[in-house]
PDB file of N, CA and C in Angstrom:
ATOM      1  N   MET A   1      76.424  70.354 111.539  1.00  0.00           N
ATOM      2  CA  MET A   1      76.245  71.341 110.519  1.00  0.00           C
ATOM      3  C   MET A   1      77.550  71.543 109.748  1.00  0.00           C
ATOM      4  N   ASN A   2      77.502  71.497 108.446  1.00  0.00           N
ATOM      5  CA  ASN A   2      78.644  71.618 107.601  1.00  0.00           C
ATOM      6  C   ASN A   2      78.602  73.023 106.894  1.00  0.00           C
ATOM      7  N   VAL A   3      79.549  73.841 107.140  1.00  0.00           N
ATOM      8  CA  VAL A   3      79.575  75.168 106.544  1.00  0.00           C
ATOM      9  C   VAL A   3      80.754  75.267 105.568  1.00  0.00           C
ATOM     10  N   GLU A   4      80.452  75.589 104.333  1.00  0.00           N
ATOM     11  CA  GLU A   4      81.489  75.745 103.324  1.00  0.00           C
ATOM     12  C   GLU A   4      81.911  77.209 103.218  1.00  0.00           C
ATOM     13  N   PHE A   5      83.215  77.487 103.320  1.00  0.00           N
ATOM     14  CA  PHE A   5      83.682  78.837 103.190  1.00  0.00           C
ATOM     15  C   PHE A   5      84.039  79.077 101.752  1.00  0.00           C
ATOM     16  N   GLU A   6      83.552  80.158 101.169  1.00  0.00           N
ATOM     17  CA  GLU A   6      83.831  80.533  99.808  1.00  0.00           C
ATOM     18  C   GLU A   6      85.082  81.431  99.796  1.00  0.00           C
ATOM     19  N   TYR A   7      86.233  80.843  99.491  1.00  0.00           N
ATOM     20  CA  TYR A   7      87.504  81.538  99.571  1.00  0.00           C
ATOM     21  C   TYR A   7      87.618  82.667  98.525  1.00  0.00           C
ATOM     22  N   GLU A   8      86.903  82.569  97.414  1.00  0.00           N
ATOM     23  CA  GLU A   8      86.987  83.634  96.420  1.00  0.00           C
ATOM     24  C   GLU A   8      86.271  84.890  96.895  1.00  0.00           C
ATOM     25  N   LYS A   9      85.531  84.845  97.960  1.00  0.00           N
ATOM     26  CA  LYS A   9      84.855  86.000  98.549  1.00  0.00           C
ATOM     27  C   LYS A   9      85.601  86.496  99.780  1.00  0.00           C
ATOM     28  N   GLN A  10      86.918  86.581  99.653  1.00  0.00           N
ATOM     29  CA  GLN A  10      87.707  87.008 100.771  1.00  0.00           C
ATOM     30  C   GLN A  10      87.310  88.425 101.217  1.00  0.00           C
ATOM     31  N   PRO A  11      87.147  88.639 102.571  1.00  0.00           N
ATOM     32  CA  PRO A  11      86.867  90.003 103.006  1.00  0.00           C
ATOM     33  C   PRO A  11      88.095  90.885 102.768  1.00  0.00           C
ATOM     34  N   GLY A  12      87.823  92.094 102.492  1.00  0.00           N
ATOM     35  CA  GLY A  12      88.971  93.062 102.360  1.00  0.00           C
ATOM     36  C   GLY A  12      89.527  93.203 100.964  1.00  0.00           C
ATOM     37  N   LEU A  13      89.011  92.432  99.984  1.00  0.00           N
ATOM     38  CA  LEU A  13      89.526  92.604  98.627  1.00  0.00           C
ATOM     39  C   LEU A  13      89.013  93.915  98.055  1.00  0.00           C
ATOM     40  N   ARG A  14      87.896  94.395  98.491  1.00  0.00           N
ATOM     41  CA  ARG A  14      87.352  95.657  97.999  1.00  0.00           C
ATOM     42  C   ARG A  14      87.198  96.601  99.178  1.00  0.00           C
ATOM     43  N   ARG A  15      87.259  97.923  98.867  1.00  0.00           N
ATOM     44  CA  ARG A  15      87.119  98.915  99.895  1.00  0.00           C
ATOM     45  C   ARG A  15      85.712  99.446  99.951  1.00  0.00           C
ATOM     46  N   LYS A  16      85.263  99.757 101.126  1.00  0.00           N
ATOM     47  CA  LYS A  16      84.024 100.498 101.272  1.00  0.00           C
ATOM     48  C   LYS A  16      84.402 101.932 101.470  1.00  0.00           C
ATOM     49  N   CYS A  17      83.438 102.785 101.548  1.00  0.00           N
ATOM     50  CA  CYS A  17      83.697 104.199 101.740  1.00  0.00           C
ATOM     51  C   CYS A  17      84.155 104.392 103.227  1.00  0.00           C
ATOM     52  N   TYR A  18      85.293 105.077 103.420  1.00  0.00           N
ATOM     53  CA  TYR A  18      85.813 105.253 104.764  1.00  0.00           C
ATOM     54  C   TYR A  18      85.311 106.546 105.352  1.00  0.00           C
ATOM     55  N   LYS A  19      85.144 106.551 106.653  1.00  0.00           N
ATOM     56  CA  LYS A  19      84.696 107.725 107.354  1.00  0.00           C
ATOM     57  C   LYS A  19      85.790 108.155 108.310  1.00  0.00           C
ATOM     58  N   SER A  20      85.971 109.449 108.425  1.00  0.00           N
ATOM     59  CA  SER A  20      86.799 109.988 109.507  1.00  0.00           C
ATOM     60  C   SER A  20      85.832 110.592 110.511  1.00  0.00           C
ATOM     61  N   SER A  21      86.096 110.309 111.771  1.00  0.00           N
ATOM     62  CA  SER A  21      85.156 110.857 112.736  1.00  0.00           C
ATOM     63  C   SER A  21      85.876 111.092 114.086  1.00  0.00           C
ATOM     64  N   SER A  22      85.234 111.783 114.906  1.00  0.00           N
ATOM     65  CA  SER A  22      85.791 112.057 116.228  1.00  0.00           C
ATOM     66  C   SER A  22      84.986 111.340 117.304  1.00  0.00           C
ATOM     67  N   ILE A  23      84.445 110.191 116.942  1.00  0.00           N
ATOM     68  CA  ILE A  23      83.629 109.407 117.870  1.00  0.00           C
ATOM     69  C   ILE A  23      84.569 108.771 118.903  1.00  0.00           C
ATOM     70  N   PRO A  24      84.016 108.491 120.101  1.00  0.00           N
ATOM     71  CA  PRO A  24      84.875 107.857 121.147  1.00  0.00           C
ATOM     72  C   PRO A  24      85.321 106.464 120.747  1.00  0.00           C
ATOM     73  N   HIS A  25      86.476 106.077 121.256  1.00  0.00           N
ATOM     74  CA  HIS A  25      87.031 104.791 120.964  1.00  0.00           C
ATOM     75  C   HIS A  25      86.764 103.845 122.093  1.00  0.00           C
ATOM     76  N   PHE A  26      86.047 102.777 121.853  1.00  0.00           N
ATOM     77  CA  PHE A  26      85.750 101.772 122.893  1.00  0.00           C
ATOM     78  C   PHE A  26      86.655 100.559 122.782  1.00  0.00           C
ATOM     79  N   VAL A  27      87.303 100.385 121.568  1.00  0.00           N
ATOM     80  CA  VAL A  27      88.155  99.246 121.342  1.00  0.00           C
ATOM     81  C   VAL A  27      89.466  99.760 120.697  1.00  0.00           C
ATOM     82  N   SER A  28      90.566  99.203 121.064  1.00  0.00           N
ATOM     83  CA  SER A  28      91.888  99.473 120.460  1.00  0.00           C
ATOM     84  C   SER A  28      92.326  98.241 119.734  1.00  0.00           C
ATOM     85  N   ILE A  29      92.664  98.384 118.499  1.00  0.00           N
ATOM     86  CA  ILE A  29      93.220  97.297 117.678  1.00  0.00           C
ATOM     87  C   ILE A  29      94.720  97.619 117.509  1.00  0.00           C
ATOM     88  N   ILE A  30      95.521  96.715 117.866  1.00  0.00           N
ATOM     89  CA  ILE A  30      96.994  96.893 117.695  1.00  0.00           C
ATOM     90  C   ILE A  30      97.492  95.867 116.674  1.00  0.00           C
ATOM     91  N   THR A  31      98.121  96.340 115.579  1.00  0.00           N
ATOM     92  CA  THR A  31      98.524  95.482 114.523  1.00  0.00           C
ATOM     93  C   THR A  31     100.005  95.686 114.265  1.00  0.00           C
ATOM     94  N   PRO A  32     100.804  94.646 114.303  1.00  0.00           N
ATOM     95  CA  PRO A  32     102.235  94.760 113.986  1.00  0.00           C
ATOM     96  C   PRO A  32     102.382  94.865 112.427  1.00  0.00           C
ATOM     97  N   PHE A  33     103.418  95.550 112.029  1.00  0.00           N
ATOM     98  CA  PHE A  33     103.739  95.683 110.593  1.00  0.00           C
ATOM     99  C   PHE A  33     105.212  95.578 110.423  1.00  0.00           C
ATOM    100  N   TYR A  34     105.694  94.717 109.556  1.00  0.00           N
ATOM    101  CA  TYR A  34     107.134  94.634 109.224  1.00  0.00           C
ATOM    102  C   TYR A  34     107.242  94.157 107.811  1.00  0.00           C
ATOM    103  N   ASN A  35     107.578  95.102 106.956  1.00  0.00           N
ATOM    104  CA  ASN A  35     107.755  94.812 105.497  1.00  0.00           C
ATOM    105  C   ASN A  35     106.567  94.027 104.950  1.00  0.00           C
ATOM    106  N   ALA A  36     105.360  94.486 105.275  1.00  0.00           N
ATOM    107  CA  ALA A  36     104.154  93.712 104.903  1.00  0.00           C
ATOM    108  C   ALA A  36     103.278  94.432 103.918  1.00  0.00           C
ATOM    109  N   GLY A  37     103.849  95.335 103.136  1.00  0.00           N
ATOM    110  CA  GLY A  37     103.078  96.106 102.169  1.00  0.00           C
ATOM    111  C   GLY A  37     102.292  95.238 101.218  1.00  0.00           C
ATOM    112  N   LYS A  38     102.871  94.156 100.799  1.00  0.00           N
ATOM    113  CA  LYS A  38     102.218  93.278  99.799  1.00  0.00           C
ATOM    114  C   LYS A  38     100.883  92.747 100.324  1.00  0.00           C
ATOM    115  N   TYR A  39     100.796  92.550 101.594  1.00  0.00           N
ATOM    116  CA  TYR A  39      99.607  91.926 102.206  1.00  0.00           C
ATOM    117  C   TYR A  39      98.724  92.895 102.963  1.00  0.00           C
ATOM    118  N   PHE A  40      99.241  94.076 103.263  1.00  0.00           N
ATOM    119  CA  PHE A  40      98.569  94.926 104.224  1.00  0.00           C
ATOM    120  C   PHE A  40      97.310  95.608 103.734  1.00  0.00           C
ATOM    121  N   GLU A  41      97.195  95.841 102.448  1.00  0.00           N
ATOM    122  CA  GLU A  41      95.964  96.520 101.959  1.00  0.00           C
ATOM    123  C   GLU A  41      94.720  95.689 102.250  1.00  0.00           C
ATOM    124  N   GLN A  42      94.810  94.363 102.153  1.00  0.00           N
ATOM    125  CA  GLN A  42      93.681  93.552 102.433  1.00  0.00           C
ATOM    126  C   GLN A  42      93.334  93.606 103.952  1.00  0.00           C
ATOM    127  N   THR A  43      94.359  93.609 104.816  1.00  0.00           N
ATOM    128  CA  THR A  43      94.159  93.763 106.214  1.00  0.00           C
ATOM    129  C   THR A  43      93.501  95.088 106.505  1.00  0.00           C
ATOM    130  N   PHE A  44      94.006  96.144 105.890  1.00  0.00           N
ATOM    131  CA  PHE A  44      93.462  97.488 106.047  1.00  0.00           C
ATOM    132  C   PHE A  44      91.960  97.508 105.681  1.00  0.00           C
ATOM    133  N   ASN A  45      91.641  96.915 104.534  1.00  0.00           N
ATOM    134  CA  ASN A  45      90.239  96.943 104.076  1.00  0.00           C
ATOM    135  C   ASN A  45      89.352  96.178 105.052  1.00  0.00           C
ATOM    136  N   CYS A  46      89.831  95.075 105.561  1.00  0.00           N
ATOM    137  CA  CYS A  46      89.044  94.277 106.532  1.00  0.00           C
ATOM    138  C   CYS A  46      88.708  95.047 107.788  1.00  0.00           C
ATOM    139  N   VAL A  47      89.701  95.747 108.334  1.00  0.00           N
ATOM    140  CA  VAL A  47      89.504  96.536 109.549  1.00  0.00           C
ATOM    141  C   VAL A  47      88.594  97.711 109.234  1.00  0.00           C
ATOM    142  N   MET A  48      88.832  98.423 108.161  1.00  0.00           N
ATOM    143  CA  MET A  48      88.049  99.635 107.849  1.00  0.00           C
ATOM    144  C   MET A  48      86.649  99.280 107.425  1.00  0.00           C
ATOM    145  N   ASN A  49      86.364  98.115 106.964  1.00  0.00           N
ATOM    146  CA  ASN A  49      85.026  97.767 106.539  1.00  0.00           C
ATOM    147  C   ASN A  49      84.149  97.260 107.680  1.00  0.00           C
ATOM    148  N   GLN A  50      84.602  97.278 108.880  1.00  0.00           N
ATOM    149  CA  GLN A  50      83.832  96.807 110.012  1.00  0.00           C
ATOM    150  C   GLN A  50      82.632  97.705 110.225  1.00  0.00           C
ATOM    151  N   THR A  51      81.549  97.103 110.645  1.00  0.00           N
ATOM    152  CA  THR A  51      80.330  97.923 110.962  1.00  0.00           C
ATOM    153  C   THR A  51      80.431  98.533 112.332  1.00  0.00           C
ATOM    154  N   PHE A  52      81.260  98.003 113.225  1.00  0.00           N
ATOM    155  CA  PHE A  52      81.517  98.593 114.509  1.00  0.00           C
ATOM    156  C   PHE A  52      82.588  99.674 114.299  1.00  0.00           C
ATOM    157  N   GLU A  53      82.211 100.941 114.473  1.00  0.00           N
ATOM    158  CA  GLU A  53      83.141 101.993 114.110  1.00  0.00           C
ATOM    159  C   GLU A  53      83.789 102.688 115.297  1.00  0.00           C
ATOM    160  N   TRP A  54      83.495 102.245 116.524  1.00  0.00           N
ATOM    161  CA  TRP A  54      84.039 102.922 117.696  1.00  0.00           C
ATOM    162  C   TRP A  54      85.333 102.300 118.120  1.00  0.00           C
ATOM    163  N   PHE A  55      86.360 102.431 117.267  1.00  0.00           N
ATOM    164  CA  PHE A  55      87.669 101.853 117.558  1.00  0.00           C
ATOM    165  C   PHE A  55      88.765 102.816 117.173  1.00  0.00           C
ATOM    166  N   GLU A  56      89.921 102.599 117.746  1.00  0.00           N
ATOM    167  CA  GLU A  56      91.152 103.222 117.222  1.00  0.00           C
ATOM    168  C   GLU A  56      92.007 102.058 116.759  1.00  0.00           C
ATOM    169  N   TRP A  57      92.801 102.360 115.764  1.00  0.00           N
ATOM    170  CA  TRP A  57      93.676 101.321 115.205  1.00  0.00           C
ATOM    171  C   TRP A  57      95.114 101.783 115.302  1.00  0.00           C
ATOM    172  N   ILE A  58      95.869 101.131 116.122  1.00  0.00           N
ATOM    173  CA  ILE A  58      97.286 101.446 116.299  1.00  0.00           C
ATOM    174  C   ILE A  58      98.099 100.442 115.464  1.00  0.00           C
ATOM    175  N   ILE A  59      98.766 100.968 114.447  1.00  0.00           N
ATOM    176  CA  ILE A  59      99.614 100.132 113.589  1.00  0.00           C
ATOM    177  C   ILE A  59     101.058 100.392 113.996  1.00  0.00           C
ATOM    178  N   VAL A  60     101.760  99.377 114.377  1.00  0.00           N
ATOM    179  CA  VAL A  60     103.150  99.511 114.868  1.00  0.00           C
ATOM    180  C   VAL A  60     104.087  98.944 113.781  1.00  0.00           C
ATOM    181  N   ASP A  61     104.820  99.833 113.154  1.00  0.00           N
ATOM    182  CA  ASP A  61     105.874  99.352 112.270  1.00  0.00           C
ATOM    183  C   ASP A  61     107.115  99.083 113.103  1.00  0.00           C
ATOM    184  N   ASP A  62     107.578  97.862 113.019  1.00  0.00           N
ATOM    185  CA  ASP A  62     108.689  97.412 113.841  1.00  0.00           C
ATOM    186  C   ASP A  62     109.985  97.451 113.032  1.00  0.00           C
ATOM    187  N   GLY A  63     110.327  98.604 112.476  1.00  0.00           N
ATOM    188  CA  GLY A  63     111.574  98.787 111.809  1.00  0.00           C
ATOM    189  C   GLY A  63     111.661  98.236 110.388  1.00  0.00           C
ATOM    190  N   SER A  64     110.583  98.395 109.612  1.00  0.00           N
ATOM    191  CA  SER A  64     110.601  97.927 108.231  1.00  0.00           C
ATOM    192  C   SER A  64     111.741  98.515 107.487  1.00  0.00           C
ATOM    193  N   THR A  65     112.310  97.735 106.573  1.00  0.00           N
ATOM    194  CA  THR A  65     113.438  98.213 105.777  1.00  0.00           C
ATOM    195  C   THR A  65     113.063  98.465 104.335  1.00  0.00           C
ATOM    196  N   ASN A  66     111.899  98.042 103.946  1.00  0.00           N
ATOM    197  CA  ASN A  66     111.456  98.201 102.552  1.00  0.00           C
ATOM    198  C   ASN A  66     110.709  99.547 102.433  1.00  0.00           C
ATOM    199  N   GLU A  67     111.313 100.494 101.713  1.00  0.00           N
ATOM    200  CA  GLU A  67     110.730 101.823 101.580  1.00  0.00           C
ATOM    201  C   GLU A  67     109.366 101.822 100.879  1.00  0.00           C
ATOM    202  N   ALA A  68     109.174 100.892  99.904  1.00  0.00           N
ATOM    203  CA  ALA A  68     107.888 100.798  99.207  1.00  0.00           C
ATOM    204  C   ALA A  68     106.794 100.374 100.166  1.00  0.00           C
ATOM    205  N   ASP A  69     107.113  99.441 101.069  1.00  0.00           N
ATOM    206  CA  ASP A  69     106.145  98.983 102.045  1.00  0.00           C
ATOM    207  C   ASP A  69     105.771 100.085 103.046  1.00  0.00           C
ATOM    208  N   LEU A  70     106.761 100.874 103.459  1.00  0.00           N
ATOM    209  CA  LEU A  70     106.514 101.989 104.336  1.00  0.00           C
ATOM    210  C   LEU A  70     105.673 103.074 103.657  1.00  0.00           C
ATOM    211  N   ALA A  71     105.847 103.283 102.350  1.00  0.00           N
ATOM    212  CA  ALA A  71     105.060 104.257 101.625  1.00  0.00           C
ATOM    213  C   ALA A  71     103.609 103.822 101.584  1.00  0.00           C
ATOM    214  N   ILE A  72     103.373 102.524 101.359  1.00  0.00           N
ATOM    215  CA  ILE A  72     102.011 101.978 101.357  1.00  0.00           C
ATOM    216  C   ILE A  72     101.359 102.213 102.734  1.00  0.00           C
ATOM    217  N   LEU A  73     102.081 101.868 103.771  1.00  0.00           N
ATOM    218  CA  LEU A  73     101.578 102.014 105.147  1.00  0.00           C
ATOM    219  C   LEU A  73     101.222 103.456 105.442  1.00  0.00           C
ATOM    220  N   GLU A  74     102.110 104.395 105.119  1.00  0.00           N
ATOM    221  CA  GLU A  74     101.871 105.786 105.382  1.00  0.00           C
ATOM    222  C   GLU A  74     100.656 106.328 104.600  1.00  0.00           C
ATOM    223  N   LYS A  75     100.555 105.895 103.330  1.00  0.00           N
ATOM    224  CA  LYS A  75      99.458 106.305 102.463  1.00  0.00           C
ATOM    225  C   LYS A  75      98.100 105.893 103.080  1.00  0.00           C
ATOM    226  N   LEU A  76      98.037 104.642 103.551  1.00  0.00           N
ATOM    227  CA  LEU A  76      96.791 104.140 104.122  1.00  0.00           C
ATOM    228  C   LEU A  76      96.481 104.759 105.475  1.00  0.00           C
ATOM    229  N   ALA A  77      97.492 105.025 106.246  1.00  0.00           N
ATOM    230  CA  ALA A  77      97.311 105.515 107.612  1.00  0.00           C
ATOM    231  C   ALA A  77      96.681 106.915 107.656  1.00  0.00           C
ATOM    232  N   VAL A  78      96.855 107.737 106.628  1.00  0.00           N
ATOM    233  CA  VAL A  78      96.296 109.090 106.641  1.00  0.00           C
ATOM    234  C   VAL A  78      94.879 109.129 106.160  1.00  0.00           C
ATOM    235  N   THR A  79      94.271 108.015 105.794  1.00  0.00           N
ATOM    236  CA  THR A  79      92.933 108.024 105.240  1.00  0.00           C
ATOM    237  C   THR A  79      91.843 108.087 106.300  1.00  0.00           C
ATOM    238  N   ASP A  80      92.178 107.866 107.604  1.00  0.00           N
ATOM    239  CA  ASP A  80      91.148 107.856 108.617  1.00  0.00           C
ATOM    240  C   ASP A  80      91.767 108.331 109.941  1.00  0.00           C
ATOM    241  N   SER A  81      91.078 109.209 110.653  1.00  0.00           N
ATOM    242  CA  SER A  81      91.609 109.776 111.890  1.00  0.00           C
ATOM    243  C   SER A  81      91.708 108.796 113.030  1.00  0.00           C
ATOM    244  N   ARG A  82      91.074 107.638 112.915  1.00  0.00           N
ATOM    245  CA  ARG A  82      91.137 106.604 113.948  1.00  0.00           C
ATOM    246  C   ARG A  82      92.421 105.838 113.942  1.00  0.00           C
ATOM    247  N   ILE A  83      93.193 105.971 112.858  1.00  0.00           N
ATOM    248  CA  ILE A  83      94.441 105.233 112.697  1.00  0.00           C
ATOM    249  C   ILE A  83      95.606 105.995 113.298  1.00  0.00           C
ATOM    250  N   LYS A  84      96.336 105.312 114.155  1.00  0.00           N
ATOM    251  CA  LYS A  84      97.558 105.891 114.733  1.00  0.00           C
ATOM    252  C   LYS A  84      98.740 105.024 114.275  1.00  0.00           C
ATOM    253  N   LEU A  85      99.736 105.674 113.692  1.00  0.00           N
ATOM    254  CA  LEU A  85     100.898 105.002 113.148  1.00  0.00           C
ATOM    255  C   LEU A  85     102.059 105.213 114.103  1.00  0.00           C
ATOM    256  N   VAL A  86     102.671 104.101 114.562  1.00  0.00           N
ATOM    257  CA  VAL A  86     103.820 104.167 115.446  1.00  0.00           C
ATOM    258  C   VAL A  86     104.988 103.526 114.672  1.00  0.00           C
ATOM    259  N   LEU A  87     106.010 104.368 114.480  1.00  0.00           N
ATOM    260  CA  LEU A  87     107.271 103.893 113.803  1.00  0.00           C
ATOM    261  C   LEU A  87     108.304 103.665 114.837  1.00  0.00           C
ATOM    262  N   SER A  88     108.986 102.506 114.809  1.00  0.00           N
ATOM    263  CA  SER A  88     109.976 102.195 115.815  1.00  0.00           C
ATOM    264  C   SER A  88     111.058 101.318 115.207  1.00  0.00           C
ATOM    265  N   ASP A  89     112.096 101.097 115.991  1.00  0.00           N
ATOM    266  CA  ASP A  89     113.134 100.126 115.670  1.00  0.00           C
ATOM    267  C   ASP A  89     112.629  98.778 116.013  1.00  0.00           C
ATOM    268  N   ARG A  90     113.341  97.768 115.678  1.00  0.00           N
ATOM    269  CA  ARG A  90     112.988  96.364 115.980  1.00  0.00           C
ATOM    270  C   ARG A  90     112.870  96.170 117.479  1.00  0.00           C
ATOM    271  N   LEU A  91     111.627  95.949 117.923  1.00  0.00           N
ATOM    272  CA  LEU A  91     111.379  95.680 119.354  1.00  0.00           C
ATOM    273  C   LEU A  91     110.601  94.378 119.491  1.00  0.00           C
ATOM    274  N   PHE A  92     110.391  93.971 120.728  1.00  0.00           N
ATOM    275  CA  PHE A  92     109.679  92.741 120.947  1.00  0.00           C
ATOM    276  C   PHE A  92     108.185  92.999 121.084  1.00  0.00           C
ATOM    277  N   LYS A  93     107.384  92.031 120.593  1.00  0.00           N
ATOM    278  CA  LYS A  93     105.938  92.144 120.579  1.00  0.00           C
ATOM    279  C   LYS A  93     105.405  92.430 121.991  1.00  0.00           C
ATOM    280  N   SER A  94     105.986  91.804 123.048  1.00  0.00           N
ATOM    281  CA  SER A  94     105.509  92.033 124.397  1.00  0.00           C
ATOM    282  C   SER A  94     105.608  93.483 124.809  1.00  0.00           C
ATOM    283  N   HIS A  95     106.636  94.173 124.298  1.00  0.00           N
ATOM    284  CA  HIS A  95     106.793  95.597 124.600  1.00  0.00           C
ATOM    285  C   HIS A  95     105.563  96.388 124.137  1.00  0.00           C
ATOM    286  N   PHE A  96     105.052  96.075 122.938  1.00  0.00           N
ATOM    287  CA  PHE A  96     103.913  96.818 122.421  1.00  0.00           C
ATOM    288  C   PHE A  96     102.625  96.401 123.052  1.00  0.00           C
ATOM    289  N   VAL A  97     102.517  95.181 123.509  1.00  0.00           N
ATOM    290  CA  VAL A  97     101.308  94.750 124.233  1.00  0.00           C
ATOM    291  C   VAL A  97     101.228  95.554 125.494  1.00  0.00           C
ATOM    292  N   ARG A  98     102.311  95.680 126.242  1.00  0.00           N
ATOM    293  CA  ARG A  98     102.320  96.443 127.452  1.00  0.00           C
ATOM    294  C   ARG A  98     102.084  97.929 127.167  1.00  0.00           C
ATOM    295  N   TRP A  99     102.681  98.424 126.076  1.00  0.00           N
ATOM    296  CA  TRP A  99     102.534  99.848 125.718  1.00  0.00           C
ATOM    297  C   TRP A  99     101.134 100.159 125.296  1.00  0.00           C
ATOM    298  N   GLY A 100     100.452  99.235 124.548  1.00  0.00           N
ATOM    299  CA  GLY A 100      99.101  99.497 124.028  1.00  0.00           C
ATOM    300  C   GLY A 100      98.093  99.484 125.162  1.00  0.00           C
TER     301      GLY A 100
END
């Protein structure tokens, strides 16, 4: 079977309507962030557009130095109560895997 992927239909280019809720979390998503503002909105849209809504999303900023990127991250993080933002200094990925 040959499946062609249509790259112009990238998920996350458009936003759906976001919901804030106090539903239980069955899945935790942990995403690292380091000066990634240019690319993060599409990641944000992909996660928030999921049909499975019983998750918490922990976004770990690992000491970003770009203030514009941090502003984008903080603006997006307040849009849904399932998002937890962790700001830290440069740490190792394994530390956050154990922490999460």
